[in-house]
Amino acid sequence: MDASTHEAMAMWAANAITSFSIYLTFTFAYLTAAYLAGTKLTVYQVFVVSTLYTAGALISLASVISNLELYTVLLNQDEVLLSSITFSGEFWIYSITPLFMVGIGVSLSFMWYIRHPKTE
């Protein structure tokens, strides 16, 4: 495998990490907005914010998956490199989707619980 292929692999891996970081940024911004202003928002505002958050998170997921798939294609071309990596790109492709979905679900339910507190 030549140097340009290794550079491409590093680029795809870095792009996947960047996309995951963007997802984390979206998530913490949404959770902060829910905590600080969730009870003051109208139903329409909650719908818009939740839709934008969900769309942004799913776009980040699609970006992570596409970058990891490209990384995996290049990784599978080099047997020595492939045998030296414990968790290959395929592992991350299959494990990242549930992580994103659980994060989205928990965030949306957090907004729900902030807006509908239990009264005892």
N, C-alpha and C. Protein backbone atom coordinates (compact mmCIF):
# COMPACT_ATOMS: atom_id res chain seq x y z
N MET A 1 0.85 -1.17 0.00
CA MET A 1 0.00 0.00 0.00
C MET A 1 0.90 1.23 0.00
N ASP A 2 0.57 2.19 -0.84
CA ASP A 2 1.42 3.37 -0.96
C ASP A 2 1.04 4.44 0.06
N ALA A 3 1.86 5.47 0.13
CA ALA A 3 1.67 6.52 1.13
C ALA A 3 0.37 7.28 0.93
N SER A 4 -0.04 7.49 -0.31
CA SER A 4 -1.28 8.25 -0.53
C SER A 4 -2.50 7.49 -0.02
N THR A 5 -2.45 6.16 -0.06
CA THR A 5 -3.55 5.37 0.49
C THR A 5 -3.61 5.51 2.01
N HIS A 6 -2.45 5.50 2.65
CA HIS A 6 -2.41 5.70 4.10
C HIS A 6 -2.91 7.09 4.48
N GLU A 7 -2.56 8.08 3.66
CA GLU A 7 -3.06 9.44 3.92
C GLU A 7 -4.57 9.50 3.76
N ALA A 8 -5.10 8.80 2.77
CA ALA A 8 -6.55 8.77 2.56
C ALA A 8 -7.24 8.09 3.73
N MET A 9 -6.64 7.01 4.24
CA MET A 9 -7.22 6.33 5.40
C MET A 9 -7.25 7.25 6.61
N ALA A 10 -6.16 7.98 6.83
CA ALA A 10 -6.12 8.92 7.95
C ALA A 10 -7.17 10.01 7.78
N MET A 11 -7.36 10.47 6.54
CA MET A 11 -8.35 11.50 6.27
C MET A 11 -9.76 11.00 6.55
N TRP A 12 -10.09 9.77 6.08
CA TRP A 12 -11.44 9.24 6.31
C TRP A 12 -11.70 9.01 7.79
N ALA A 13 -10.68 8.53 8.50
CA ALA A 13 -10.83 8.32 9.95
C ALA A 13 -11.03 9.65 10.66
N ALA A 14 -10.26 10.66 10.28
CA ALA A 14 -10.40 11.98 10.89
C ALA A 14 -11.77 12.59 10.59
N ASN A 15 -12.26 12.39 9.37
CA ASN A 15 -13.59 12.89 9.01
C ASN A 15 -14.68 12.22 9.84
N ALA A 16 -14.54 10.93 10.09
CA ALA A 16 -15.51 10.21 10.92
C ALA A 16 -15.50 10.75 12.34
N ILE A 17 -14.32 10.99 12.88
CA ILE A 17 -14.22 11.52 14.23
C ILE A 17 -14.80 12.93 14.30
N THR A 18 -14.55 13.73 13.28
CA THR A 18 -15.11 15.08 13.23
C THR A 18 -16.64 15.04 13.18
N SER A 19 -17.18 14.14 12.39
CA SER A 19 -18.64 14.02 12.31
C SER A 19 -19.23 13.58 13.64
N PHE A 20 -18.55 12.69 14.34
CA PHE A 20 -19.00 12.28 15.67
C PHE A 20 -18.95 13.45 16.64
N SER A 21 -17.91 14.27 16.54
CA SER A 21 -17.80 15.45 17.40
C SER A 21 -18.93 16.44 17.14
N ILE A 22 -19.32 16.58 15.88
CA ILE A 22 -20.44 17.44 15.53
C ILE A 22 -21.73 16.90 16.14
N TYR A 23 -21.90 15.59 16.11
CA TYR A 23 -23.07 14.96 16.75
C TYR A 23 -23.10 15.28 18.24
N LEU A 24 -21.96 15.15 18.90
CA LEU A 24 -21.90 15.45 20.33
C LEU A 24 -22.23 16.92 20.60
N THR A 25 -21.78 17.80 19.72
CA THR A 25 -22.08 19.22 19.87
C THR A 25 -23.58 19.47 19.73
N PHE A 26 -24.20 18.87 18.70
CA PHE A 26 -25.66 18.99 18.53
C PHE A 26 -26.39 18.48 19.77
N THR A 27 -25.96 17.34 20.27
CA THR A 27 -26.65 16.72 21.39
C THR A 27 -26.57 17.58 22.65
N PHE A 28 -25.38 18.05 22.99
CA PHE A 28 -25.26 18.85 24.20
C PHE A 28 -25.93 20.21 24.06
N ALA A 29 -25.94 20.78 22.86
CA ALA A 29 -26.68 22.03 22.64
C ALA A 29 -28.18 21.80 22.83
N TYR A 30 -28.68 20.69 22.30
CA TYR A 30 -30.10 20.37 22.44
C TYR A 30 -30.46 20.12 23.91
N LEU A 31 -29.64 19.37 24.62
CA LEU A 31 -29.90 19.09 26.03
C LEU A 31 -29.84 20.37 26.87
N THR A 32 -28.91 21.25 26.55
CA THR A 32 -28.82 22.53 27.26
C THR A 32 -30.05 23.38 27.00
N ALA A 33 -30.48 23.45 25.75
CA ALA A 33 -31.68 24.21 25.41
C ALA A 33 -32.91 23.61 26.10
N ALA A 34 -32.98 22.29 26.14
CA ALA A 34 -34.11 21.63 26.79
C ALA A 34 -34.13 21.94 28.28
N TYR A 35 -32.97 21.90 28.90
CA TYR A 35 -32.90 22.13 30.34
C TYR A 35 -33.20 23.59 30.70
N LEU A 36 -32.61 24.51 29.95
CA LEU A 36 -32.73 25.92 30.29
C LEU A 36 -34.04 26.55 29.82
N ALA A 37 -34.54 26.14 28.65
CA ALA A 37 -35.70 26.83 28.09
C ALA A 37 -36.85 25.89 27.73
N GLY A 38 -36.72 24.62 28.01
CA GLY A 38 -37.72 23.65 27.58
C GLY A 38 -39.12 23.94 28.06
N THR A 39 -39.25 24.39 29.28
CA THR A 39 -40.59 24.65 29.81
C THR A 39 -41.19 25.93 29.25
N LYS A 40 -40.36 26.82 28.71
CA LYS A 40 -40.84 28.10 28.20
C LYS A 40 -41.17 28.06 26.70
N LEU A 41 -40.78 27.00 26.02
CA LEU A 41 -40.98 26.91 24.57
C LEU A 41 -42.42 26.51 24.25
N THR A 42 -42.90 27.02 23.12
CA THR A 42 -44.22 26.60 22.65
C THR A 42 -44.10 25.22 22.01
N VAL A 43 -45.22 24.61 21.74
CA VAL A 43 -45.21 23.29 21.11
C VAL A 43 -44.53 23.37 19.73
N TYR A 44 -44.83 24.42 19.00
CA TYR A 44 -44.22 24.59 17.67
C TYR A 44 -42.70 24.74 17.79
N GLN A 45 -42.23 25.52 18.74
CA GLN A 45 -40.79 25.71 18.92
C GLN A 45 -40.10 24.40 19.30
N VAL A 46 -40.73 23.63 20.16
CA VAL A 46 -40.17 22.32 20.52
C VAL A 46 -40.12 21.42 19.30
N PHE A 47 -41.16 21.44 18.50
CA PHE A 47 -41.18 20.63 17.28
C PHE A 47 -40.05 21.03 16.34
N VAL A 48 -39.87 22.32 16.13
CA VAL A 48 -38.82 22.80 15.22
C VAL A 48 -37.44 22.44 15.76
N VAL A 49 -37.20 22.71 17.03
CA VAL A 49 -35.89 22.43 17.62
C VAL A 49 -35.60 20.92 17.60
N SER A 50 -36.59 20.12 17.94
CA SER A 50 -36.40 18.67 17.96
C SER A 50 -36.19 18.11 16.56
N THR A 51 -36.90 18.66 15.59
CA THR A 51 -36.72 18.21 14.20
C THR A 51 -35.34 18.57 13.69
N LEU A 52 -34.91 19.80 13.95
CA LEU A 52 -33.57 20.21 13.52
C LEU A 52 -32.48 19.39 14.21
N TYR A 53 -32.67 19.12 15.50
CA TYR A 53 -31.69 18.30 16.22
C TYR A 53 -31.63 16.89 15.62
N THR A 54 -32.79 16.28 15.42
CA THR A 54 -32.83 14.92 14.89
C THR A 54 -32.23 14.86 13.50
N ALA A 55 -32.56 15.83 12.64
CA ALA A 55 -32.00 15.86 11.29
C ALA A 55 -30.49 16.03 11.33
N GLY A 56 -30.00 16.95 12.16
CA GLY A 56 -28.56 17.15 12.27
C GLY A 56 -27.84 15.92 12.79
N ALA A 57 -28.43 15.26 13.77
CA ALA A 57 -27.82 14.05 14.33
C ALA A 57 -27.79 12.92 13.29
N LEU A 58 -28.87 12.76 12.53
CA LEU A 58 -28.90 11.70 11.51
C LEU A 58 -27.95 12.01 10.35
N ILE A 59 -27.80 13.27 10.00
CA ILE A 59 -26.83 13.64 8.96
C ILE A 59 -25.41 13.34 9.45
N SER A 60 -25.14 13.64 10.72
CA SER A 60 -23.83 13.30 11.29
C SER A 60 -23.61 11.80 11.27
N LEU A 61 -24.64 11.02 11.60
CA LEU A 61 -24.53 9.56 11.54
C LEU A 61 -24.21 9.09 10.13
N ALA A 62 -24.92 9.63 9.15
CA ALA A 62 -24.66 9.24 7.75
C ALA A 62 -23.23 9.58 7.34
N SER A 63 -22.74 10.71 7.80
CA SER A 63 -21.37 11.11 7.50
C SER A 63 -20.35 10.18 8.16
N VAL A 64 -20.59 9.83 9.41
CA VAL A 64 -19.70 8.90 10.10
C VAL A 64 -19.66 7.56 9.37
N ILE A 65 -20.83 7.04 9.02
CA ILE A 65 -20.89 5.73 8.36
C ILE A 65 -20.19 5.77 7.01
N SER A 66 -20.45 6.80 6.21
CA SER A 66 -19.82 6.85 4.88
C SER A 66 -18.31 6.97 4.99
N ASN A 67 -17.81 7.76 5.93
CA ASN A 67 -16.37 7.87 6.10
C ASN A 67 -15.76 6.57 6.61
N LEU A 68 -16.46 5.88 7.52
CA LEU A 68 -15.94 4.60 8.00
C LEU A 68 -15.98 3.53 6.92
N GLU A 69 -16.98 3.57 6.05
CA GLU A 69 -17.03 2.61 4.95
C GLU A 69 -15.85 2.82 3.99
N LEU A 70 -15.56 4.07 3.68
CA LEU A 70 -14.41 4.35 2.81
C LEU A 70 -13.10 3.93 3.48
N TYR A 71 -12.99 4.18 4.77
CA TYR A 71 -11.82 3.75 5.54
C TYR A 71 -11.69 2.23 5.49
N THR A 72 -12.80 1.51 5.66
CA THR A 72 -12.78 0.05 5.67
C THR A 72 -12.38 -0.51 4.31
N VAL A 73 -12.84 0.10 3.24
CA VAL A 73 -12.46 -0.36 1.90
C VAL A 73 -10.95 -0.31 1.74
N LEU A 74 -10.35 0.80 2.16
CA LEU A 74 -8.89 0.92 2.05
C LEU A 74 -8.18 -0.01 3.02
N LEU A 75 -8.73 -0.17 4.21
CA LEU A 75 -8.11 -1.05 5.21
C LEU A 75 -8.08 -2.49 4.73
N ASN A 76 -9.12 -2.93 4.07
CA ASN A 76 -9.20 -4.32 3.60
C ASN A 76 -8.23 -4.62 2.47
N GLN A 77 -7.61 -3.62 1.91
CA GLN A 77 -6.63 -3.83 0.84
C GLN A 77 -5.24 -4.17 1.37
N ASP A 78 -5.02 -3.98 2.65
CA ASP A 78 -3.70 -4.23 3.25
C ASP A 78 -3.85 -5.26 4.36
N GLU A 79 -3.43 -6.50 4.10
CA GLU A 79 -3.58 -7.59 5.07
C GLU A 79 -2.76 -7.37 6.33
N VAL A 80 -1.56 -6.82 6.20
CA VAL A 80 -0.70 -6.60 7.37
C VAL A 80 -1.34 -5.57 8.30
N LEU A 81 -1.80 -4.48 7.72
CA LEU A 81 -2.43 -3.43 8.52
C LEU A 81 -3.74 -3.93 9.13
N LEU A 82 -4.51 -4.68 8.36
CA LEU A 82 -5.79 -5.21 8.84
C LEU A 82 -5.59 -6.14 10.03
N SER A 83 -4.55 -6.97 9.98
CA SER A 83 -4.31 -7.91 11.08
C SER A 83 -3.78 -7.22 12.33
N SER A 84 -3.28 -6.00 12.21
CA SER A 84 -2.73 -5.31 13.38
C SER A 84 -3.75 -4.42 14.09
N ILE A 85 -4.95 -4.28 13.54
CA ILE A 85 -5.97 -3.42 14.14
C ILE A 85 -7.01 -4.29 14.83
N THR A 86 -7.23 -4.02 16.12
CA THR A 86 -8.16 -4.83 16.89
C THR A 86 -9.60 -4.57 16.49
N PHE A 87 -10.00 -3.32 16.47
CA PHE A 87 -11.36 -2.95 16.10
C PHE A 87 -11.33 -2.28 14.74
N SER A 88 -11.68 -3.04 13.73
CA SER A 88 -11.62 -2.51 12.37
C SER A 88 -12.79 -1.58 12.11
N GLY A 89 -12.82 -0.99 10.93
CA GLY A 89 -13.89 -0.07 10.55
C GLY A 89 -15.25 -0.72 10.56
N GLU A 90 -15.32 -2.01 10.22
CA GLU A 90 -16.61 -2.71 10.20
C GLU A 90 -17.22 -2.77 11.60
N PHE A 91 -16.39 -2.98 12.61
CA PHE A 91 -16.88 -2.99 13.99
C PHE A 91 -17.55 -1.66 14.32
N TRP A 92 -16.91 -0.57 13.95
CA TRP A 92 -17.44 0.76 14.28
C TRP A 92 -18.68 1.08 13.47
N ILE A 93 -18.75 0.61 12.24
CA ILE A 93 -19.94 0.87 11.42
C ILE A 93 -21.17 0.25 12.07
N TYR A 94 -21.03 -0.97 12.59
CA TYR A 94 -22.18 -1.65 13.19
C TYR A 94 -22.46 -1.20 14.61
N SER A 95 -21.49 -0.65 15.31
CA SER A 95 -21.72 -0.25 16.69
C SER A 95 -22.09 1.22 16.84
N ILE A 96 -21.79 2.04 15.86
CA ILE A 96 -22.04 3.48 15.99
C ILE A 96 -23.51 3.81 15.79
N THR A 97 -24.21 3.08 14.94
CA THR A 97 -25.63 3.39 14.68
C THR A 97 -26.48 3.24 15.94
N PRO A 98 -26.39 2.14 16.68
CA PRO A 98 -27.17 2.07 17.93
C PRO A 98 -26.79 3.15 18.93
N LEU A 99 -25.51 3.51 18.98
CA LEU A 99 -25.07 4.57 19.89
C LEU A 99 -25.76 5.89 19.55
N PHE A 100 -25.78 6.23 18.27
CA PHE A 100 -26.44 7.46 17.84
C PHE A 100 -27.94 7.40 18.13
N MET A 101 -28.58 6.29 17.82
CA MET A 101 -30.03 6.18 18.00
C MET A 101 -30.42 6.26 19.48
N VAL A 102 -29.65 5.63 20.34
CA VAL A 102 -29.92 5.72 21.77
C VAL A 102 -29.73 7.16 22.24
N GLY A 103 -28.69 7.81 21.77
CA GLY A 103 -28.45 9.21 22.14
C GLY A 103 -29.57 10.13 21.69
N ILE A 104 -30.06 9.93 20.48
CA ILE A 104 -31.17 10.74 19.98
C ILE A 104 -32.43 10.48 20.81
N GLY A 105 -32.72 9.20 21.06
CA GLY A 105 -33.91 8.85 21.84
C GLY A 105 -33.86 9.41 23.25
N VAL A 106 -32.72 9.29 23.90
CA VAL A 106 -32.58 9.81 25.26
C VAL A 106 -32.73 11.33 25.28
N SER A 107 -32.16 12.00 24.29
CA SER A 107 -32.26 13.46 24.22
C SER A 107 -33.69 13.91 24.01
N LEU A 108 -34.40 13.25 23.10
CA LEU A 108 -35.80 13.61 22.86
C LEU A 108 -36.66 13.32 24.09
N SER A 109 -36.39 12.21 24.76
CA SER A 109 -37.17 11.91 25.97
C SER A 109 -36.83 12.87 27.10
N PHE A 110 -35.60 13.36 27.15
CA PHE A 110 -35.23 14.38 28.14
C PHE A 110 -36.07 15.64 27.94
N MET A 111 -36.21 16.06 26.69
CA MET A 111 -37.06 17.22 26.39
C MET A 111 -38.49 16.95 26.84
N TRP A 112 -38.98 15.74 26.58
CA TRP A 112 -40.34 15.38 26.98
C TRP A 112 -40.52 15.49 28.50
N TYR A 113 -39.56 14.93 29.25
CA TYR A 113 -39.68 14.94 30.70
C TYR A 113 -39.52 16.34 31.30
N ILE A 114 -38.73 17.18 30.65
CA ILE A 114 -38.59 18.57 31.10
C ILE A 114 -39.93 19.30 30.90
N ARG A 115 -40.60 19.03 29.80
CA ARG A 115 -41.86 19.71 29.49
C ARG A 115 -43.06 19.11 30.21
N HIS A 116 -42.96 17.87 30.65
CA HIS A 116 -44.06 17.19 31.34
C HIS A 116 -43.55 16.62 32.67
N PRO A 117 -43.27 17.49 33.62
CA PRO A 117 -42.74 16.99 34.90
C PRO A 117 -43.80 16.22 35.68
N LYS A 118 -43.33 15.25 36.44
CA LYS A 118 -44.24 14.49 37.32
C LYS A 118 -44.63 15.37 38.50
N THR A 119 -45.89 15.43 38.77
CA THR A 119 -46.34 16.17 39.94
C THR A 119 -46.84 15.16 40.97
N GLU A 120 -46.33 15.28 42.18
CA GLU A 120 -46.71 14.32 43.21
C GLU A 120 -47.47 15.00 44.31
